[in-house]
Amino acid sequence: MSHKPTTMMDRLGALRGLLTISDDDFSAYMRSYGELFVDSPENTKADHANGVALQGYPQGSSNELQELYKVIHLLCTLGSVEKMYMPPEIDPEKSVLQNQVLFEQIVANDLKLSRGEKVLELGCGCGAIAEHIADLTGATPYGINLDGSQIEKAWKNSNLSRSNFTIGDFNKPLEFGDGAFDAVYAIQPMTYVSDHEFTFKEVSRVLKPGGIFVINDVAALDAYDSENLHQKTLIQHTRELTVFGGLWYYKYWEDSYRNAGFNLLSSVGRPAVEMIKKEVALFDKYEAVFKFLAKVRLIPKKTNALMKRLNENSQSYIQAEEEELLTLNWHCVGQKPE
C-alpha cells in the first residue's frame, strides 16, 4: 500500500462541498469562532513556575466544534492539509505533504509497534494518518473522531476496516476494554481536552503495560507572556486560523503524562514556520481567486466569506512562530509502566 497524497478529485469534491454549503452550515461555521475561541484557557511558563493549576478547555467536544470541523475539513482538503495538521519542518525544502510523510515516520518509530498489534488514533479525522501509520508499522489501526463526516470518509477507504473507525470523544470514557491497545497517538486534537487527568488516565487504561502514548500538539513556549498585548493578539489570531482550543506551556503536557502514571521518554518542540509560509502562500492565492469569482457572481458570496474567514490574520501565525511564542508541534512520548 503506497502513501496517497490528496488527489485532484479530493480537491474538487471539497470545492463542490464549499460551493453547495447550506445556509445553516455556513452560519454555524461563521458563528463557531465566537463561541469556541473567546477567552480560551491559557497557562504560561510564569503560571507553571508559580504553581498555577492547569485549566482545561471548558467547551470540550461541543456541537459547535463539530460544526466547525464539518466545514474546515473541506477548506483544508482544498489546500495541502487534508490530514488536518501542520507538520513540523523535517525538510524545509520539501512540500507540506512530504513533511507530513517524514513526520509520520518519526511517529511510527516512536510507537514501537510490531505487525498485527493494535494502535488507536485520537482525533483520527478521515483516517489518512492511520492508514500511513499502519503501512509503516504493520499494525492494525483504530480511530475515533468527533466529526461524523470525516468518519464517513474513513469508512469509504478500502484500506481501513470500517468497524475500527467510529465517532468518539476523548473527553468521555473511551469505549474500549482495559489493555486493548499496544499504542495510542494523537496529532493536534488535544487542545480540546477539558480534563487532562481524566483523558490521560483513560488512555493509560486502554493501553497494555509497556504501551506507548504519543502526542504532538500546540504548546506555549518560554517567550510567551499573556500579559503582553502584542503577543496575546498574535496568539489569538493563530488560534482562530489554526482552530486550536487551550494553550498550555509545554511542561503542563509533561506533567499530564507523569500525573497519569506514564514514564516520559521524550519531550521536544519542532518549528513549522517554513511549512506555514508554504500553506499561507497557497491560501492567499485561493482567497484572491475566490474574491474575484464572487465579484463576478460565478460562486456564492458565502463561499468567498468562508475562505476569507479561514485565511484571516494568517501573517500573525508566521510571526508567532518566528517569535517563538508557540509551536503547533510539541512532541511527547510516554510509556505505561510494565
Protein backbone atom coordinates (compact mmCIF):
# COMPACT_ATOMS: atom_id res chain seq x y z
CA MET A 1 0.00 0.00 0.00
CA SER A 2 1.52 3.31 -1.07
CA HIS A 3 1.07 6.65 0.66
CA LYS A 4 -1.55 8.63 -1.26
CA PRO A 5 -1.49 12.42 -1.48
CA THR A 6 -4.64 14.49 -1.69
CA THR A 7 -5.85 13.99 -5.25
CA MET A 8 -7.44 16.46 -7.67
CA MET A 9 -10.69 14.54 -7.20
CA ASP A 10 -10.42 15.09 -3.42
CA ARG A 11 -9.94 18.82 -4.00
CA LEU A 12 -12.80 19.03 -6.49
CA GLY A 13 -15.03 17.21 -4.03
CA ALA A 14 -14.08 19.70 -1.30
CA LEU A 15 -14.72 22.61 -3.65
CA ARG A 16 -18.13 21.17 -4.53
CA GLY A 17 -18.93 20.91 -0.84
CA LEU A 18 -17.96 24.55 -0.27
CA LEU A 19 -19.95 25.78 -3.28
CA THR A 20 -23.09 23.95 -2.18
CA ILE A 21 -22.85 24.52 1.56
CA SER A 22 -26.23 25.07 3.19
CA ASP A 23 -27.11 28.37 4.82
CA ASP A 24 -27.39 26.59 8.19
CA ASP A 25 -23.90 25.05 7.95
CA PHE A 26 -22.43 28.35 6.75
CA SER A 27 -23.99 30.29 9.63
CA ALA A 28 -22.94 27.67 12.20
CA TYR A 29 -19.35 27.73 10.94
CA MET A 30 -19.07 31.53 11.00
CA ARG A 31 -20.72 31.67 14.43
CA SER A 32 -18.47 28.96 15.89
CA TYR A 33 -15.43 31.25 16.03
CA GLY A 34 -17.13 33.49 18.54
CA GLU A 35 -18.31 30.51 20.54
CA LEU A 36 -15.12 28.44 20.57
CA PHE A 37 -12.21 30.88 20.63
CA VAL A 38 -13.17 33.63 23.06
CA ASP A 39 -11.40 33.63 26.44
CA SER A 40 -9.83 30.24 25.72
CA PRO A 41 -7.71 28.89 28.58
CA GLU A 42 -4.00 29.64 28.67
CA ASN A 43 -1.30 28.51 31.08
CA THR A 44 2.12 30.08 30.53
CA LYS A 45 5.66 29.47 31.74
CA ALA A 46 5.05 32.01 34.53
CA ASP A 47 1.92 30.10 35.58
CA HIS A 48 3.89 26.86 35.74
CA ALA A 49 6.62 28.48 37.81
CA ASN A 50 4.01 29.88 40.20
CA GLY A 51 2.18 26.58 40.59
CA VAL A 52 -0.99 27.73 38.80
CA ALA A 53 -3.21 24.73 38.12
CA LEU A 54 -3.78 23.56 34.55
CA GLN A 55 -7.08 24.82 33.18
CA GLY A 56 -8.70 22.53 30.61
CA TYR A 57 -10.73 23.64 27.61
CA PRO A 58 -14.21 24.19 29.11
CA GLN A 59 -16.32 23.66 25.98
CA GLY A 60 -14.76 20.25 25.46
CA SER A 61 -16.14 18.37 22.47
CA SER A 62 -19.13 20.60 21.76
CA ASN A 63 -21.68 20.71 18.97
CA GLU A 64 -20.07 23.97 17.86
CA LEU A 65 -16.77 22.15 17.42
CA GLN A 66 -18.46 19.58 15.21
CA GLU A 67 -19.98 22.35 13.09
CA LEU A 68 -16.56 23.98 12.73
CA TYR A 69 -14.81 20.81 11.61
CA LYS A 70 -17.54 19.85 9.17
CA VAL A 71 -16.58 22.92 7.10
CA ILE A 72 -12.92 23.41 7.90
CA HIS A 73 -12.12 19.90 6.72
CA LEU A 74 -13.33 20.92 3.24
CA LEU A 75 -11.18 24.06 3.32
CA CYS A 76 -8.10 22.12 4.44
CA THR A 77 -8.62 19.47 1.74
CA LEU A 78 -8.62 22.28 -0.82
CA GLY A 79 -5.08 23.04 0.33
CA SER A 80 -2.34 20.62 1.37
CA VAL A 81 -3.61 19.66 4.82
CA GLU A 82 -6.43 17.18 4.25
CA LYS A 83 -4.98 15.41 7.30
CA MET A 84 -5.90 18.48 9.36
CA TYR A 85 -2.48 19.19 10.82
CA MET A 86 0.50 21.38 10.05
CA PRO A 87 3.66 19.25 10.20
CA PRO A 88 6.94 20.41 11.66
CA GLU A 89 9.85 21.23 9.38
CA ILE A 90 11.64 17.95 8.84
CA ASP A 91 12.97 19.06 5.44
CA PRO A 92 12.21 22.76 4.71
CA GLU A 93 12.91 22.22 1.01
CA LYS A 94 10.10 19.68 0.67
CA SER A 95 6.33 20.25 0.44
CA VAL A 96 3.84 20.23 3.31
CA LEU A 97 2.66 16.76 2.29
CA GLN A 98 6.22 15.43 2.04
CA ASN A 99 6.95 16.75 5.52
CA GLN A 100 3.80 15.05 6.81
CA VAL A 101 5.14 11.78 5.38
CA LEU A 102 8.54 12.33 7.03
CA PHE A 103 6.94 13.31 10.34
CA GLU A 104 4.64 10.28 10.37
CA GLN A 105 7.72 8.09 10.00
CA ILE A 106 9.01 9.66 13.24
CA VAL A 107 5.67 8.93 14.93
CA ALA A 108 5.73 5.35 13.65
CA ASN A 109 9.23 4.86 15.08
CA ASP A 110 8.13 6.30 18.44
CA LEU A 111 5.16 3.93 18.67
CA LYS A 112 7.42 0.84 18.59
CA LEU A 113 4.73 -1.31 17.01
CA SER A 114 5.01 -4.78 15.54
CA ARG A 115 2.93 -6.33 12.78
CA GLY A 116 -0.56 -7.27 13.95
CA GLU A 117 -0.52 -5.12 17.09
CA LYS A 118 -3.32 -2.63 17.67
CA VAL A 119 -2.91 1.16 17.59
CA LEU A 120 -5.55 3.81 18.36
CA GLU A 121 -5.57 7.35 16.99
CA LEU A 122 -7.45 10.01 18.97
CA GLY A 123 -8.97 12.60 16.64
CA CYS A 124 -8.33 10.44 13.57
CA GLY A 125 -10.11 12.65 11.03
CA CYS A 126 -10.70 10.72 7.81
CA GLY A 127 -8.13 8.07 8.71
CA ALA A 128 -5.36 9.24 6.38
CA ILE A 129 -2.69 9.31 9.10
CA ALA A 130 -3.85 5.97 10.50
CA GLU A 131 -3.59 4.41 7.05
CA HIS A 132 0.02 5.58 6.70
CA ILE A 133 1.00 4.52 10.24
CA ALA A 134 -0.44 1.07 9.53
CA ASP A 135 1.52 0.91 6.29
CA LEU A 136 4.76 1.84 8.09
CA THR A 137 4.33 -0.47 11.09
CA GLY A 138 2.11 -3.36 10.01
CA ALA A 139 -0.14 -2.63 13.00
CA THR A 140 -3.93 -2.73 12.88
CA PRO A 141 -5.30 0.83 13.01
CA TYR A 142 -8.26 2.09 15.01
CA GLY A 143 -9.55 5.64 15.30
CA ILE A 144 -12.14 7.87 16.95
CA ASN A 145 -13.19 11.30 15.78
CA LEU A 146 -15.85 13.78 16.82
CA ASP A 147 -16.85 14.83 13.29
CA GLY A 148 -19.02 12.15 11.70
CA SER A 149 -18.47 13.45 8.16
CA GLN A 150 -14.77 12.58 8.41
CA ILE A 151 -15.51 9.13 9.88
CA GLU A 152 -17.83 8.51 6.93
CA LYS A 153 -14.90 9.33 4.64
CA ALA A 154 -12.74 6.81 6.54
CA TRP A 155 -15.45 4.18 6.02
CA LYS A 156 -15.12 4.63 2.26
CA ASN A 157 -11.39 3.82 2.38
CA SER A 158 -10.98 0.18 1.38
CA ASN A 159 -7.61 0.04 3.17
CA LEU A 160 -9.27 0.64 6.53
CA SER A 161 -11.59 -1.66 8.45
CA ARG A 162 -14.91 0.17 8.78
CA SER A 163 -15.66 -1.28 12.21
CA ASN A 164 -12.36 0.09 13.60
CA PHE A 165 -13.24 3.76 12.95
CA THR A 166 -16.03 5.30 14.98
CA ILE A 167 -17.45 8.60 16.13
CA GLY A 168 -15.94 9.11 19.55
CA ASP A 169 -14.94 11.70 22.12
CA PHE A 170 -11.76 11.61 24.22
CA ASN A 171 -13.45 13.83 26.79
CA LYS A 172 -15.67 10.87 27.68
CA PRO A 173 -14.78 7.31 28.74
CA LEU A 174 -13.18 5.52 25.80
CA GLU A 175 -15.37 2.71 24.54
CA PHE A 176 -12.60 0.11 24.61
CA GLY A 177 -11.61 -2.51 27.15
CA ASP A 178 -8.66 -2.33 29.52
CA GLY A 179 -5.37 -3.04 27.77
CA ALA A 180 -6.97 -3.11 24.31
CA PHE A 181 -4.10 -1.34 22.51
CA ASP A 182 -0.35 -1.59 22.15
CA ALA A 183 -0.04 2.12 21.39
CA VAL A 184 -2.13 5.31 21.21
CA TYR A 185 -1.31 8.58 19.47
CA ALA A 186 -2.87 11.98 18.81
CA ILE A 187 -1.72 14.60 16.31
CA GLN A 188 -3.08 18.09 17.03
CA PRO A 189 -6.55 17.38 18.50
CA MET A 190 -5.66 17.60 22.19
CA THR A 191 -6.15 21.33 22.73
CA TYR A 192 -9.84 20.45 23.18
CA VAL A 193 -9.17 18.31 26.26
CA SER A 194 -11.36 19.54 29.10
CA ASP A 195 -9.79 17.41 31.85
CA HIS A 196 -6.22 16.32 31.17
CA GLU A 197 -6.02 13.95 34.12
CA PHE A 198 -9.18 12.13 33.02
CA THR A 199 -8.20 11.77 29.36
CA PHE A 200 -4.62 10.72 30.04
CA LYS A 201 -5.75 8.14 32.58
CA GLU A 202 -8.31 6.80 30.09
CA VAL A 203 -5.51 6.40 27.56
CA SER A 204 -3.44 4.57 30.16
CA ARG A 205 -6.38 2.30 30.91
CA VAL A 206 -6.81 1.16 27.29
CA LEU A 207 -3.07 0.64 26.86
CA LYS A 208 -1.33 -2.63 27.62
CA PRO A 209 1.52 -2.48 30.15
CA GLY A 210 4.55 -1.13 28.32
CA GLY A 211 2.32 0.56 25.73
CA ILE A 212 3.34 3.87 24.15
CA PHE A 213 1.34 7.12 24.08
CA VAL A 214 2.48 9.84 21.64
CA ILE A 215 1.00 13.31 21.36
CA ASN A 216 2.06 16.09 19.02
CA ASP A 217 0.21 19.30 19.70
CA VAL A 218 0.17 23.03 20.34
CA ALA A 219 2.22 24.34 23.25
CA ALA A 220 3.20 27.72 24.62
CA LEU A 221 6.95 28.29 24.66
CA ASP A 222 9.22 30.13 27.10
CA ALA A 223 8.89 33.52 25.39
CA TYR A 224 5.10 33.77 25.58
CA ASP A 225 3.80 36.36 28.04
CA SER A 226 0.00 36.50 28.14
CA GLU A 227 0.21 39.99 29.71
CA ASN A 228 1.92 41.30 26.55
CA LEU A 229 -0.86 42.64 24.29
CA HIS A 230 1.16 42.22 21.09
CA GLN A 231 1.93 38.60 21.90
CA LYS A 232 -1.61 37.93 23.13
CA THR A 233 -3.01 39.24 19.82
CA LEU A 234 -0.66 37.08 17.74
CA ILE A 235 -1.70 34.03 19.73
CA GLN A 236 -5.40 34.80 19.36
CA HIS A 237 -5.04 35.27 15.59
CA THR A 238 -3.14 31.99 15.38
CA ARG A 239 -5.76 30.23 17.50
CA GLU A 240 -8.52 31.29 15.12
CA LEU A 241 -6.51 30.47 12.00
CA THR A 242 -5.42 27.01 13.13
CA VAL A 243 -8.51 26.37 15.30
CA PHE A 244 -6.83 25.23 18.49
CA GLY A 245 -8.55 25.50 21.86
CA GLY A 246 -6.44 25.70 25.00
CA LEU A 247 -2.82 26.90 25.01
CA TRP A 248 -0.63 25.32 27.66
CA TYR A 249 3.07 25.73 28.38
CA TYR A 250 4.80 22.55 27.26
CA LYS A 251 5.71 21.48 30.79
CA TYR A 252 1.99 21.11 31.53
CA TRP A 253 1.90 18.41 28.83
CA GLU A 254 4.82 16.69 30.53
CA ASP A 255 3.07 16.95 33.90
CA SER A 256 -0.09 15.39 32.39
CA TYR A 257 1.89 12.32 31.38
CA ARG A 258 3.53 11.93 34.77
CA ASN A 259 0.32 12.59 36.71
CA ALA A 260 -1.37 9.75 34.79
CA GLY A 261 1.46 7.38 35.69
CA PHE A 262 3.38 7.40 32.40
CA ASN A 263 7.14 7.36 32.16
CA LEU A 264 8.03 10.31 29.93
CA LEU A 265 10.54 9.08 27.34
CA SER A 266 10.99 12.29 25.35
CA SER A 267 9.60 15.79 25.03
CA VAL A 268 10.66 18.13 22.23
CA GLY A 269 9.25 21.01 20.20
CA ARG A 270 9.75 21.49 16.48
CA PRO A 271 9.09 24.65 14.43
CA ALA A 272 6.81 24.68 11.40
CA VAL A 273 7.31 28.20 10.07
CA GLU A 274 8.55 27.22 6.59
CA MET A 275 5.59 24.86 6.23
CA ILE A 276 3.24 27.61 7.37
CA LYS A 277 4.64 30.01 4.77
CA LYS A 278 4.01 27.47 2.00
CA GLU A 279 0.40 26.92 3.04
CA VAL A 280 -0.35 30.62 3.61
CA ALA A 281 1.00 31.43 0.14
CA LEU A 282 -1.33 28.82 -1.35
CA PHE A 283 -4.39 30.06 0.53
CA ASP A 284 -3.58 33.70 -0.34
CA LYS A 285 -3.93 32.65 -3.99
CA TYR A 286 -7.17 30.82 -3.27
CA GLU A 287 -8.56 33.87 -1.46
CA ALA A 288 -7.74 36.16 -4.41
CA VAL A 289 -9.40 33.77 -6.87
CA PHE A 290 -12.49 33.28 -4.69
CA LYS A 291 -12.83 37.04 -4.22
CA PHE A 292 -12.78 37.60 -7.99
CA LEU A 293 -15.19 34.75 -8.74
CA ALA A 294 -17.63 36.01 -6.10
CA LYS A 295 -17.40 39.54 -7.51
CA VAL A 296 -18.39 38.34 -10.99
CA ARG A 297 -21.02 36.09 -9.41
CA LEU A 298 -19.54 32.79 -10.56
CA ILE A 299 -19.51 31.47 -7.00
CA PRO A 300 -21.72 32.29 -4.00
CA LYS A 301 -20.60 35.15 -1.78
CA LYS A 302 -20.73 32.86 1.24
CA THR A 303 -18.09 30.57 -0.31
CA ASN A 304 -15.76 33.56 -0.56
CA ALA A 305 -16.63 34.50 3.02
CA LEU A 306 -15.61 31.02 4.23
CA MET A 307 -12.19 31.33 2.61
CA LYS A 308 -11.71 34.86 3.93
CA ARG A 309 -12.61 33.76 7.47
CA LEU A 310 -10.17 30.84 7.34
CA ASN A 311 -7.26 32.85 5.95
CA GLU A 312 -7.76 35.93 8.12
CA ASN A 313 -4.67 37.14 10.01
CA SER A 314 -2.52 34.36 8.54
CA GLN A 315 0.62 36.50 8.84
CA SER A 316 0.17 36.51 12.62
CA TYR A 317 0.66 32.74 12.60
CA ILE A 318 4.02 33.13 10.87
CA GLN A 319 5.05 35.90 13.26
CA ALA A 320 4.02 33.94 16.37
CA GLU A 321 6.24 31.00 15.37
CA GLU A 322 9.11 33.28 14.34
CA GLU A 323 8.96 35.00 17.75
CA GLU A 324 8.91 31.51 19.34
CA LEU A 325 5.74 32.19 21.29
CA LEU A 326 4.27 28.80 20.50
CA THR A 327 4.67 25.70 18.41
CA LEU A 328 1.97 23.57 16.85
CA ASN A 329 4.30 20.62 17.23
CA TRP A 330 5.29 19.87 20.80
CA HIS A 331 6.03 16.15 20.72
CA CYS A 332 5.83 13.92 23.79
CA VAL A 333 6.38 10.17 24.04
CA GLY A 334 5.28 8.35 27.17
CA GLN A 335 5.21 4.71 28.19
CA LYS A 336 2.85 2.93 30.54
CA PRO A 337 4.91 1.06 33.11
CA GLU A 338 5.29 -2.70 32.58
